[in-house]
Amino acid sequence: MAPDLAQSSSRDRAQAAASFEDALLTGRGQLQAGRVVEALQAYHQALSQSPDSIEALNAVAVCYDRLGKFDSSRTYYEMAL
């Protein structure tokens, strides 16, 4: 791989990781503030960056649980296992 491509790829991975972490932090803050729908949106954004993230899957499940959407919460809890 050419050096420019390697640097670009490394930068892209770092930005994606930061975006994922930012989405998780946003979700946590929204959830703590009681804004469950906004937290759910942030956690779904995190999942778009890292679909297999146990932390994000569990967080989505918690949001659905708090919204009373128990079928959805169960689905996400199971995906997190």
C-alpha atoms as a PDB file:
ATOM      1  CA  MET A   1       0.000   0.000   0.000  1.00  0.00           C
ATOM      2  CA  ALA A   2       1.284   3.463  -0.867  1.00  0.00           C
ATOM      3  CA  PRO A   3       2.245   5.664   2.095  1.00  0.00           C
ATOM      4  CA  ASP A   4      -0.471   8.253   1.294  1.00  0.00           C
ATOM      5  CA  LEU A   5      -3.133   5.562   1.220  1.00  0.00           C
ATOM      6  CA  ALA A   6      -1.900   4.054   4.473  1.00  0.00           C
ATOM      7  CA  GLN A   7      -1.997   7.447   6.197  1.00  0.00           C
ATOM      8  CA  SER A   8      -5.430   8.219   4.786  1.00  0.00           C
ATOM      9  CA  SER A   9      -6.768   4.828   5.865  1.00  0.00           C
ATOM     10  CA  SER A  10      -5.331   5.278   9.343  1.00  0.00           C
ATOM     11  CA  ARG A  11      -6.883   8.746   9.596  1.00  0.00           C
ATOM     12  CA  ASP A  12     -10.253   7.421   8.440  1.00  0.00           C
ATOM     13  CA  ARG A  13     -10.193   4.705  11.117  1.00  0.00           C
ATOM     14  CA  ALA A  14      -9.293   7.253  13.788  1.00  0.00           C
ATOM     15  CA  GLN A  15     -12.120   9.556  12.710  1.00  0.00           C
ATOM     16  CA  ALA A  16     -14.603   6.678  12.685  1.00  0.00           C
ATOM     17  CA  ALA A  17     -13.501   5.647  16.168  1.00  0.00           C
ATOM     18  CA  ALA A  18     -13.886   9.225  17.406  1.00  0.00           C
ATOM     19  CA  SER A  19     -17.321   9.486  15.795  1.00  0.00           C
ATOM     20  CA  PHE A  20     -18.375   6.222  17.435  1.00  0.00           C
ATOM     21  CA  GLU A  21     -17.125   7.360  20.842  1.00  0.00           C
ATOM     22  CA  ASP A  22     -18.777  10.765  20.386  1.00  0.00           C
ATOM     23  CA  ALA A  23     -22.091   9.081  19.609  1.00  0.00           C
ATOM     24  CA  LEU A  24     -21.802   6.888  22.718  1.00  0.00           C
ATOM     25  CA  LEU A  25     -20.986   9.896  24.900  1.00  0.00           C
ATOM     26  CA  THR A  26     -23.883  11.850  23.440  1.00  0.00           C
ATOM     27  CA  GLY A  27     -26.211   8.931  24.065  1.00  0.00           C
ATOM     28  CA  ARG A  28     -25.069   8.603  27.676  1.00  0.00           C
ATOM     29  CA  GLY A  29     -25.587  12.301  28.310  1.00  0.00           C
ATOM     30  CA  GLN A  30     -29.025  12.308  26.715  1.00  0.00           C
ATOM     31  CA  LEU A  31     -30.093   9.231  28.653  1.00  0.00           C
ATOM     32  CA  GLN A  32     -28.888  10.690  31.946  1.00  0.00           C
ATOM     33  CA  ALA A  33     -30.849  13.841  31.174  1.00  0.00           C
ATOM     34  CA  GLY A  34     -33.973  11.779  30.572  1.00  0.00           C
ATOM     35  CA  ARG A  35     -34.068  12.433  26.827  1.00  0.00           C
ATOM     36  CA  VAL A  36     -34.535   8.808  25.828  1.00  0.00           C
ATOM     37  CA  VAL A  37     -35.509   9.382  22.184  1.00  0.00           C
ATOM     38  CA  GLU A  38     -32.439  11.551  21.612  1.00  0.00           C
ATOM     39  CA  ALA A  39     -30.257   8.969  23.354  1.00  0.00           C
ATOM     40  CA  LEU A  40     -31.700   6.261  21.136  1.00  0.00           C
ATOM     41  CA  GLN A  41     -30.820   8.288  18.045  1.00  0.00           C
ATOM     42  CA  ALA A  42     -27.247   8.733  19.242  1.00  0.00           C
ATOM     43  CA  TYR A  43     -26.870   5.042  20.032  1.00  0.00           C
ATOM     44  CA  HIS A  44     -28.216   4.101  16.600  1.00  0.00           C
ATOM     45  CA  GLN A  45     -25.605   6.441  15.138  1.00  0.00           C
ATOM     46  CA  ALA A  46     -22.951   4.579  17.137  1.00  0.00           C
ATOM     47  CA  LEU A  47     -24.286   1.284  15.793  1.00  0.00           C
ATOM     48  CA  SER A  48     -24.015   2.590  12.241  1.00  0.00           C
ATOM     49  CA  GLN A  49     -20.279   3.014  12.920  1.00  0.00           C
ATOM     50  CA  SER A  50     -19.840  -0.261  14.812  1.00  0.00           C
ATOM     51  CA  PRO A  51     -22.783  -2.649  14.312  1.00  0.00           C
ATOM     52  CA  ASP A  52     -21.355  -5.321  16.628  1.00  0.00           C
ATOM     53  CA  SER A  53     -20.714  -3.034  19.597  1.00  0.00           C
ATOM     54  CA  ILE A  54     -22.074  -4.776  22.668  1.00  0.00           C
ATOM     55  CA  GLU A  55     -22.126  -1.483  24.540  1.00  0.00           C
ATOM     56  CA  ALA A  56     -24.192   0.271  21.860  1.00  0.00           C
ATOM     57  CA  LEU A  57     -26.530  -2.718  21.396  1.00  0.00           C
ATOM     58  CA  ASN A  58     -27.154  -2.855  25.135  1.00  0.00           C
ATOM     59  CA  ALA A  59     -27.711   0.897  25.299  1.00  0.00           C
ATOM     60  CA  VAL A  60     -30.306   0.733  22.514  1.00  0.00           C
ATOM     61  CA  ALA A  61     -32.029  -2.050  24.447  1.00  0.00           C
ATOM     62  CA  VAL A  62     -32.102   0.097  27.585  1.00  0.00           C
ATOM     63  CA  CYS A  63     -33.650   2.977  25.642  1.00  0.00           C
ATOM     64  CA  TYR A  64     -36.352   0.782  24.161  1.00  0.00           C
ATOM     65  CA  ASP A  65     -36.996  -0.650  27.619  1.00  0.00           C
ATOM     66  CA  ARG A  66     -37.491   2.836  29.068  1.00  0.00           C
ATOM     67  CA  LEU A  67     -39.829   3.678  26.196  1.00  0.00           C
ATOM     68  CA  GLY A  68     -41.918   0.604  26.988  1.00  0.00           C
ATOM     69  CA  LYS A  69     -41.043  -1.052  23.673  1.00  0.00           C
ATOM     70  CA  PHE A  70     -40.230  -4.376  25.253  1.00  0.00           C
ATOM     71  CA  ASP A  71     -40.184  -6.475  22.069  1.00  0.00           C
ATOM     72  CA  SER A  72     -37.569  -4.155  20.596  1.00  0.00           C
ATOM     73  CA  SER A  73     -35.586  -4.029  23.820  1.00  0.00           C
ATOM     74  CA  ARG A  74     -35.522  -7.806  24.012  1.00  0.00           C
ATOM     75  CA  THR A  75     -34.272  -8.021  20.426  1.00  0.00           C
ATOM     76  CA  TYR A  76     -31.357  -5.716  21.176  1.00  0.00           C
ATOM     77  CA  TYR A  77     -30.557  -7.366  24.502  1.00  0.00           C
ATOM     78  CA  GLU A  78     -30.355 -10.702  22.672  1.00  0.00           C
ATOM     79  CA  MET A  79     -28.145  -9.198  19.958  1.00  0.00           C
ATOM     80  CA  ALA A  80     -25.799  -7.945  22.680  1.00  0.00           C
ATOM     81  CA  LEU A  81     -25.339 -11.451  24.107  1.00  0.00           C
END
